[in-house]
Protein backbone atom coordinates (compact mmCIF):
# COMPACT_ATOMS: atom_id res chain seq x y z
CA MET A 1 -15.80 83.08 -0.54
CA ARG A 2 -13.34 80.44 -2.31
CA PHE A 3 -13.66 77.03 -1.68
CA SER A 4 -10.09 76.59 -1.07
CA GLU A 5 -10.49 79.35 1.40
CA VAL A 6 -13.45 77.70 3.26
CA TRP A 7 -11.18 74.68 3.49
CA LYS A 8 -8.08 76.11 5.20
CA THR A 9 -9.97 78.01 7.58
CA SER A 10 -11.15 74.31 8.29
CA PHE A 11 -8.03 72.87 9.21
CA LYS A 12 -6.79 75.94 10.71
CA ALA A 13 -10.24 75.39 12.86
CA ILE A 14 -9.69 71.54 13.37
CA GLY A 15 -5.36 73.07 14.37
CA LYS A 16 -6.83 75.53 17.02
CA ASN A 17 -8.41 72.36 19.63
CA LYS A 18 -5.58 69.73 18.72
CA ARG A 19 -5.92 67.83 21.70
CA ARG A 20 -10.15 67.83 21.12
CA SER A 21 -9.49 67.15 17.34
CA PHE A 22 -7.20 63.67 18.44
CA LEU A 23 -9.70 62.63 20.93
CA THR A 24 -12.41 62.76 18.43
CA MET A 25 -10.54 61.10 16.43
CA ILE A 26 -9.62 57.76 18.11
CA GLY A 27 -12.90 56.18 18.05
CA LEU A 28 -12.93 56.36 14.11
CA VAL A 29 -9.17 55.77 13.60
CA ILE A 30 -9.79 52.53 15.93
CA GLY A 31 -13.07 51.88 13.41
CA VAL A 32 -11.46 51.93 10.18
CA SER A 33 -8.13 49.94 11.09
CA ALA A 34 -10.71 47.62 12.18
CA VAL A 35 -12.66 47.78 8.50
CA ILE A 36 -9.48 47.72 6.88
CA THR A 37 -7.65 45.23 8.47
CA VAL A 38 -10.65 42.44 8.04
CA PHE A 39 -11.00 43.29 4.18
CA SER A 40 -7.66 43.09 3.72
CA ILE A 41 -6.62 39.96 5.36
CA GLY A 42 -9.97 37.99 4.01
CA ARG A 43 -9.06 39.32 0.98
CA ALA A 44 -5.22 37.96 0.71
CA PHE A 45 -6.96 34.53 2.14
CA GLU A 46 -9.46 34.93 -0.65
CA ASP A 47 -6.83 35.06 -3.75
CA TYR A 48 -4.60 32.25 -1.81
CA ALA A 49 -7.07 29.82 -1.14
CA SER A 50 -7.91 30.43 -4.83
CA GLU A 51 -4.67 29.91 -6.20
CA PHE A 52 -3.40 26.61 -4.06
CA ILE A 53 -7.17 25.14 -4.32
CA GLY A 54 -6.89 25.45 -7.81
CA LEU A 55 -10.29 27.11 -8.84
CA ASP A 56 -9.30 28.51 -12.18
CA GLN A 57 -8.42 25.09 -13.19
CA PHE A 58 -11.69 23.33 -12.33
CA ASP A 59 -13.67 25.64 -13.86
CA GLY A 60 -17.22 24.84 -14.59
CA SER A 61 -16.00 21.36 -13.67
CA VAL A 62 -16.56 18.69 -11.14
CA GLY A 63 -14.13 15.91 -9.76
CA LEU A 64 -15.67 12.23 -10.04
CA THR A 65 -13.71 9.70 -7.96
CA PHE A 66 -13.95 5.64 -7.92
CA SER A 67 -13.08 4.17 -4.41
CA PRO A 68 -12.34 0.75 -4.49
CA SER A 69 -13.78 -1.35 -2.01
CA ASP A 70 -11.49 -4.04 -2.29
CA GLU A 71 -7.20 -3.42 -2.03
CA SER A 72 -6.48 -5.90 -4.75
CA PHE A 73 -8.19 -3.69 -6.70
CA ALA A 74 -4.78 -1.42 -7.03
CA ALA A 75 -2.22 -4.49 -6.74
CA ASN A 76 -4.06 -5.49 -10.21
CA HIS A 77 -3.23 -2.52 -12.04
CA LEU A 78 -7.29 -1.56 -12.65
CA ASP A 79 -9.01 1.28 -14.19
CA GLY A 80 -11.52 3.23 -11.63
CA PHE A 81 -13.12 4.36 -15.08
CA THR A 82 -12.89 3.30 -18.55
CA GLU A 83 -13.25 5.06 -22.12
CA GLU A 84 -16.63 3.33 -22.06
CA ASP A 85 -17.64 5.55 -18.96
CA ILE A 86 -15.90 8.82 -20.04
CA GLY A 87 -18.05 8.28 -23.06
CA ARG A 88 -21.25 7.33 -21.11
CA ILE A 89 -20.51 10.68 -19.28
CA GLU A 90 -20.16 12.87 -21.90
CA SER A 91 -23.68 11.79 -23.68
CA LEU A 92 -25.29 13.51 -20.92
CA PRO A 93 -26.81 16.45 -21.12
CA GLY A 94 -25.20 19.56 -19.50
CA VAL A 95 -21.64 18.05 -19.96
CA GLU A 96 -19.20 19.58 -22.04
CA SER A 97 -16.28 17.13 -21.63
CA ALA A 98 -15.09 14.81 -19.44
CA THR A 99 -11.32 13.95 -18.84
CA TYR A 100 -9.15 11.85 -16.96
CA TYR A 101 -7.36 13.86 -14.30
CA THR A 102 -3.73 14.64 -15.36
CA GLY A 103 -2.35 15.71 -11.83
CA GLN A 104 -1.20 18.82 -12.98
CA ARG A 105 -1.31 22.08 -10.96
CA ASN A 106 -0.07 25.71 -12.11
CA GLY A 107 2.06 23.56 -14.79
CA VAL A 108 3.82 21.21 -12.83
CA LYS A 109 2.56 17.39 -12.54
CA TYR A 110 2.29 15.14 -9.45
CA ALA A 111 1.46 11.38 -9.64
CA GLU A 112 0.51 9.50 -6.97
CA GLN A 113 3.47 5.95 -6.66
CA THR A 114 4.29 3.91 -3.63
CA ILE A 115 7.76 3.63 -2.83
CA ASP A 116 8.38 -0.07 -2.34
CA ASP A 117 11.31 0.33 -0.06
CA ALA A 118 9.66 2.23 2.05
CA SER A 119 6.56 0.57 3.24
CA SER A 120 6.62 1.56 6.92
CA ASP A 121 6.29 5.31 5.66
CA THR A 122 2.50 5.88 5.70
CA ARG A 123 2.13 9.38 4.72
CA TRP A 124 -0.58 10.06 1.99
CA GLY A 125 2.47 11.70 -1.18
CA TYR A 126 3.56 12.43 -4.71
CA PHE A 127 5.79 12.26 -6.97
CA LYS A 128 6.71 15.78 -8.52
CA LEU A 129 7.42 15.06 -12.28
CA LEU A 130 9.83 17.39 -13.47
CA THR A 131 11.18 18.63 -16.83
CA ASP A 132 13.98 21.24 -15.72
CA GLU A 133 15.94 22.00 -12.05
CA GLY A 134 14.88 19.22 -8.74
CA SER A 135 14.86 21.33 -5.05
CA ASN A 136 17.90 22.01 -3.55
CA VAL A 137 18.50 18.70 -1.31
CA ILE A 138 20.28 18.12 1.84
CA HIS A 139 22.30 14.98 0.52
CA GLY A 140 23.83 13.59 -3.00
CA ARG A 141 22.37 16.03 -5.77
CA GLY A 142 19.29 17.37 -7.43
CA ILE A 143 17.40 16.93 -10.68
CA LYS A 144 19.28 17.69 -13.19
CA LEU A 145 17.77 18.31 -16.87
CA SER A 146 20.62 16.43 -18.14
CA ASP A 147 18.53 13.30 -16.29
CA SER A 148 15.42 14.48 -18.40
CA VAL A 149 17.47 14.44 -21.34
CA ASN A 150 19.39 11.48 -20.89
CA GLU A 151 16.21 9.89 -19.65
CA ASN A 152 18.27 8.13 -16.67
CA PRO A 153 16.31 6.58 -14.41
CA VAL A 154 17.20 8.80 -11.12
CA VAL A 155 15.35 9.87 -8.38
CA VAL A 156 15.48 12.04 -5.15
CA ILE A 157 13.43 11.15 -2.30
CA ASP A 158 12.50 13.00 1.28
CA GLU A 159 14.37 12.69 4.72
CA VAL A 160 11.55 11.09 6.23
CA VAL A 161 11.66 8.34 3.49
CA ALA A 162 15.01 8.01 3.27
CA GLU A 163 15.00 7.23 7.16
CA ALA A 164 12.37 4.37 6.40
CA ILE A 165 14.77 2.84 4.10
CA ASN A 166 17.01 3.04 6.92
CA LYS A 167 16.85 4.74 9.51
CA ASP A 168 20.46 4.29 11.23
CA GLU A 169 22.06 5.71 8.63
CA PRO A 170 19.38 7.97 6.75
CA ALA A 171 22.24 9.12 3.80
CA THR A 172 22.40 5.66 2.93
CA PRO A 173 20.10 4.87 0.40
CA VAL A 174 22.13 7.82 -1.85
CA GLY A 175 23.66 5.96 -5.10
CA GLN A 176 21.99 2.89 -4.30
CA SER A 177 19.03 1.51 -5.94
CA ILE A 178 14.91 1.59 -4.10
CA GLN A 179 11.99 -0.35 -5.75
CA ILE A 180 9.55 1.58 -6.97
CA GLY A 181 6.33 -0.02 -8.36
CA GLY A 182 8.35 -3.02 -8.80
CA HIS A 183 11.08 -1.41 -10.94
CA LEU A 184 14.55 -0.50 -9.68
CA PHE A 185 15.70 3.58 -9.63
CA GLU A 186 18.83 5.00 -8.41
CA VAL A 187 18.70 7.89 -5.66
CA VAL A 188 20.72 10.71 -6.47
CA GLY A 189 19.47 13.18 -3.82
CA ILE A 190 17.95 13.54 -0.53
CA MET A 191 16.04 16.54 0.20
CA ALA A 192 14.35 17.81 2.89
CA GLU A 193 10.85 16.85 4.35
CA ARG A 194 7.59 19.25 2.51
CA GLU A 195 6.83 21.93 5.30
CA SER A 196 2.35 22.35 5.14
CA ASN A 197 1.24 25.81 5.25
CA GLY A 198 -0.75 24.66 7.96
CA ILE A 199 -4.36 25.68 6.11
CA ILE A 200 -4.29 24.39 2.99
CA SER A 201 -2.82 20.96 2.21
CA THR A 202 -1.83 21.05 -1.96
CA GLU A 203 0.35 18.68 -3.85
CA GLU A 204 3.04 20.63 -3.30
CA ASP A 205 3.11 20.16 0.96
CA ASN A 206 2.86 16.11 0.04
CA VAL A 207 5.82 15.80 -1.95
CA ILE A 208 8.09 12.87 -0.85
CA ALA A 209 10.22 12.55 -4.10
CA GLU A 210 11.67 13.61 -7.02
CA MET A 211 11.61 12.06 -10.84
CA PRO A 212 12.23 13.71 -14.29
CA GLU A 213 8.81 13.56 -16.48
CA ASN A 214 9.30 11.26 -18.94
CA VAL A 215 11.30 8.78 -16.74
CA PHE A 216 8.31 8.75 -14.81
CA GLN A 217 6.26 7.84 -18.41
CA GLN A 218 8.61 5.15 -19.04
CA PHE A 219 7.92 3.07 -16.51
CA PHE A 220 4.25 4.40 -15.01
CA GLU A 221 0.97 5.27 -16.07
CA THR A 222 0.56 9.60 -15.84
CA GLU A 223 -3.09 9.46 -15.97
CA GLU A 224 -4.78 9.01 -13.07
CA ARG A 225 -7.75 6.29 -14.03
CA SER A 226 -9.62 6.44 -10.52
CA MET A 227 -10.65 10.29 -10.81
CA VAL A 228 -11.91 12.49 -13.76
CA GLN A 229 -12.87 15.73 -14.13
CA VAL A 230 -16.39 16.64 -16.01
CA LYS A 231 -16.36 20.15 -17.87
CA MET A 232 -20.49 21.24 -17.63
CA THR A 233 -21.63 23.50 -20.15
CA PRO A 234 -22.18 27.49 -19.59
CA THR A 235 -25.51 26.74 -19.41
CA ALA A 236 -25.67 23.71 -17.11
CA ASN A 237 -27.27 22.92 -13.97
CA VAL A 238 -23.65 21.28 -12.05
CA GLU A 239 -25.78 20.22 -8.77
CA ASN A 240 -28.45 18.33 -11.00
CA VAL A 241 -26.08 16.90 -14.15
CA THR A 242 -23.26 15.80 -11.05
CA LYS A 243 -26.58 13.76 -9.46
CA GLU A 244 -27.63 12.20 -12.71
CA THR A 245 -23.95 11.49 -13.85
CA GLU A 246 -23.74 9.49 -10.30
CA THR A 247 -26.75 7.77 -10.88
CA MET A 248 -25.56 6.42 -14.22
CA LEU A 249 -22.33 5.21 -12.97
CA LYS A 250 -23.97 2.99 -10.31
CA ARG A 251 -26.15 2.16 -12.53
CA TYR A 252 -24.27 1.03 -15.94
CA GLY A 253 -20.06 2.19 -14.63
CA THR A 254 -17.75 -0.38 -15.39
CA GLN A 255 -16.54 -0.68 -12.01
CA LYS A 256 -19.99 -0.26 -10.11
CA ASP A 257 -19.35 -4.05 -8.09
CA LEU A 258 -16.18 -3.15 -7.50
CA GLY A 259 -16.24 -0.10 -5.75
CA SER A 260 -18.54 3.17 -5.53
CA TYR A 261 -18.47 6.66 -7.35
CA SER A 262 -18.53 10.70 -5.86
CA SER A 263 -18.05 13.31 -7.07
CA GLN A 264 -16.48 16.54 -5.69
CA ASP A 265 -17.60 20.13 -6.77
CA LEU A 266 -13.88 21.80 -5.95
CA ALA A 267 -15.24 25.26 -7.70
CA GLY A 268 -18.53 24.96 -5.08
CA GLN A 269 -16.46 24.21 -1.99
CA VAL A 270 -14.17 27.64 -2.55
CA ASP A 271 -17.76 29.12 -3.43
CA THR A 272 -18.64 27.88 0.21
CA LEU A 273 -15.30 28.92 1.70
CA ARG A 274 -15.66 32.11 0.23
CA THR A 275 -19.13 32.65 1.39
CA LEU A 276 -18.39 31.54 4.71
CA LEU A 277 -14.94 33.81 4.77
CA THR A 278 -17.41 36.77 4.06
CA SER A 279 -20.02 36.45 6.59
CA ILE A 280 -17.05 36.04 8.87
CA THR A 281 -15.62 39.20 7.55
CA LEU A 282 -18.98 41.60 7.95
CA LEU A 283 -19.52 40.12 11.65
CA ILE A 284 -15.87 41.61 12.49
CA SER A 285 -16.53 44.42 10.58
CA VAL A 286 -19.57 45.61 12.72
CA VAL A 287 -17.32 45.60 15.69
CA GLY A 288 -16.06 48.21 13.18
CA GLY A 289 -18.95 49.76 12.35
CA ILE A 290 -20.11 50.53 15.58
CA SER A 291 -16.63 52.22 16.80
CA LEU A 292 -17.44 54.53 13.42
CA PHE A 293 -20.95 55.23 14.68
CA ILE A 294 -19.21 56.12 18.32
CA SER A 295 -16.57 58.72 16.61
CA GLY A 296 -19.71 59.96 14.19
CA ILE A 297 -21.38 61.03 17.75
CA GLY A 298 -17.64 62.18 18.61
CA VAL A 299 -17.58 64.76 15.98
CA MET A 300 -21.40 65.79 16.09
CA ASN A 301 -20.49 66.78 19.11
CA MET A 302 -16.94 68.74 18.84
CA ILE A 303 -18.54 70.52 15.70
CA TYR A 304 -21.72 71.47 18.20
CA ILE A 305 -19.51 72.66 20.90
CA SER A 306 -16.95 74.68 17.78
CA VAL A 307 -20.41 76.11 17.05
CA SER A 308 -20.89 77.76 20.30
CA GLU A 309 -17.57 79.07 20.83
CA ARG A 310 -17.40 81.06 17.09
CA THR A 311 -21.14 82.50 17.63
CA LYS A 312 -19.68 85.86 17.62
CA GLU A 313 -17.31 84.98 14.40
CA ILE A 314 -20.10 83.72 12.65
CA GLY A 315 -21.87 86.70 13.28
CA VAL A 316 -19.39 88.77 11.79
CA ARG A 317 -19.15 87.07 8.89
CA ARG A 318 -23.33 86.74 8.27
CA ALA A 319 -23.15 90.77 8.62
CA MET A 320 -20.02 91.23 5.90
CA GLY A 321 -22.63 89.15 4.29
CA GLY A 322 -21.88 85.59 4.10
CA THR A 323 -24.72 83.83 3.18
CA LYS A 324 -26.00 80.47 4.95
CA GLY A 325 -24.75 78.23 2.75
CA ASN A 326 -21.05 79.27 3.59
CA ILE A 327 -21.24 79.34 6.89
CA MET A 328 -22.93 75.46 6.07
CA MET A 329 -20.37 74.67 4.74
CA GLN A 330 -17.63 75.93 6.72
CA PHE A 331 -18.56 73.20 9.53
CA LEU A 332 -19.47 70.71 7.03
CA LEU A 333 -15.83 70.83 5.95
CA GLU A 334 -14.62 70.90 9.58
CA GLY A 335 -16.44 67.47 10.16
CA ILE A 336 -15.12 66.10 6.66
CA SER A 337 -11.63 67.44 7.58
CA LEU A 338 -11.26 65.88 10.70
CA THR A 339 -13.19 62.34 9.52
CA LEU A 340 -10.66 62.69 6.71
CA ILE A 341 -7.61 62.97 8.58
CA GLY A 342 -8.71 60.30 10.99
CA GLY A 343 -9.62 57.79 8.14
CA THR A 344 -6.31 58.35 6.33
CA ILE A 345 -4.32 57.20 9.88
CA GLY A 346 -7.06 54.60 10.26
CA TYR A 347 -6.15 53.14 6.78
CA LEU A 348 -2.25 53.36 7.17
CA LEU A 349 -2.32 51.71 10.63
CA GLY A 350 -5.24 48.83 8.76
CA MET A 351 -2.78 48.11 6.35
CA LEU A 352 0.45 47.36 8.89
CA PHE A 353 -1.62 45.36 11.11
CA ALA A 354 -2.89 43.47 8.25
CA PHE A 355 1.05 43.10 6.97
CA LEU A 356 1.74 42.71 10.16
CA ILE A 357 -0.44 39.27 10.02
CA SER A 358 0.73 38.14 6.68
CA MET A 359 4.46 38.27 8.24
CA PHE A 360 3.08 35.24 10.19
CA THR A 361 1.39 33.35 7.51
CA PRO A 362 1.16 32.58 3.89
CA LEU A 363 -1.09 35.08 2.75
CA SER A 364 -0.21 38.13 0.93
CA VAL A 365 -1.47 41.32 1.96
CA GLN A 366 -1.61 43.85 -1.11
CA PRO A 367 -2.92 47.68 -1.13
CA ASP A 368 -5.88 47.27 -3.56
CA MET A 369 -7.91 50.52 -5.12
CA PHE A 370 -11.54 48.98 -3.04
CA THR A 371 -9.57 49.37 0.67
CA VAL A 372 -8.31 53.02 -0.18
CA LEU A 373 -11.87 53.68 -1.86
CA LEU A 374 -13.84 52.19 1.61
CA ALA A 375 -11.83 53.80 3.87
CA PHE A 376 -12.31 57.37 2.64
CA GLY A 377 -15.41 56.93 1.65
CA LEU A 378 -16.34 55.70 5.40
CA SER A 379 -14.48 58.93 6.76
CA VAL A 380 -16.35 61.60 3.67
CA VAL A 381 -19.63 60.03 4.61
CA ILE A 382 -19.47 59.97 8.47
CA GLY A 383 -17.72 63.49 7.97
CA ILE A 384 -21.17 64.28 6.44
CA ILE A 385 -24.16 62.40 7.89
CA PHE A 386 -22.50 63.84 11.36
CA SER A 387 -21.81 67.37 10.44
CA TRP A 388 -25.05 68.04 8.95
CA LEU A 389 -27.29 69.09 11.80
CA PRO A 390 -24.38 71.29 13.56
CA ALA A 391 -23.40 73.04 10.62
CA LYS A 392 -27.06 73.37 9.73
CA SER A 393 -27.73 75.14 13.34
CA ALA A 394 -24.91 77.17 13.02
CA ALA A 395 -26.50 78.36 9.46
CA SER A 396 -30.45 79.12 10.63
CA LYS A 397 -28.93 81.31 13.26
CA ASP A 398 -30.14 84.97 13.46
CA ILE A 399 -28.18 87.41 12.85
CA VAL A 400 -29.16 90.02 15.73
CA SER A 401 -29.06 87.00 17.86
CA LEU A 402 -25.75 86.15 17.33
CA LEU A 403 -23.90 89.56 17.29
CA ARG A 404 -25.45 90.74 21.12
C-alpha cells in the first residue's frame, strides 16, 4: 500500500471522530502555543536589547570610567583620562587598543552638555548632534541641513528645558539666545520631550536638545574624556585584563588622587541578561511541556480506542495481505497527523499572541525558521512517541482473533 494512500486513510479516520479528535488536540494546541509565544517574545527581546544597548558597538570591549570626587573637576574642564593613561592601557598584555568614547551609537553622535539657563532642569540628558534634518517640533522650526552648511549657532530644545527657562510662557525662548556652556546659541525650535521605552534607557531616550554637529565641535570637546573604550585581543581573558587595567590606573592613573576608576563590561552584562532571559524562557516552557505531555497521553488513549474500534478492519487488511508494517504505519500516521494539525494551530495561535504582546511593547516579533521547526518538530516527536505503543499493539494482534 502506497504511503500517500496510508496517509489519506489516516486523515479520513481522524475526520470520522471530529469531536474526539478536537478534544485530544486541545492540550497540544495549548502547549505548542505557549512554547512558541515564550520563544518568540524571548528572541524579540534579545534582538531589542542587542540593538539598543549597542552590543555590536562594544564587541570585545570594556568601558573604563573616571568618577571625580570633587564637583570642581568638571568646572575646571579637566580630563578623566589623558594620552598618557591611554598609552599605559595599550601597553598591557591582552589589550588591542584604547580610545576615548565618542558618544556615537548607530551612526548618530550624542554628547553630554549642560544648558546654563535651565539650571532647574535636573535631568540627565544628551545633546543630539546632527548632520542632516532634525526632529519635528511643536514650536518654531527644526534643525535644517542649511544650519550645518552655514554653521549657524542654533539649537532646538525640548519642552521641559523650555519650561525651566520660562515656566509661565515656555514658547518664548524661540528666537531668543540662551547660554550653553558659557556660549550663546539661538533657540530656533522647541520639540516634545522624548518618551522612554520603559525597558532600556538609551541616549536617544534622554535627548534634551539638538544641534548641528559641526557647530557643537566649534565650541565644545566632542570626545568624552571621562570614559575610555578598551578593546581586548581575541585570546584575552576579559575579566583578568580588566582587573589588571583597574589596578594599574589606581596606582599610576593621572587623576588617581582626584577620583576613582571603574570598569563596565557592557558586552558581559548583555550576555548575563541573555542567560537570565533564556533561563526564564526555559522555565516557562516547562509549563508548556507539561501540557504537551498530557496531550501526548490523550493521543495515545485515542489511538488505543481507535485500534479497539477497528479490530475487524485490521483483521480484513491482514487477511488481504497487509503486513504488520502496514498496520503499524497506519496508526502511527494517524497519531502524527493529529499532532501535526494541533501543532499547526498551536503555532498560529502562539505567533498571534506574540504579535498582540508586541503591539503594547517596543519588541518586534518576526516569524523565523527556528520557531516553525520547533512547533512541527515537537508535534512529530509527540505523534511518534505516543502513537508507537498503540500502533505496535495493533500490528502484533493475531489474524484469527481479529476476524472472530
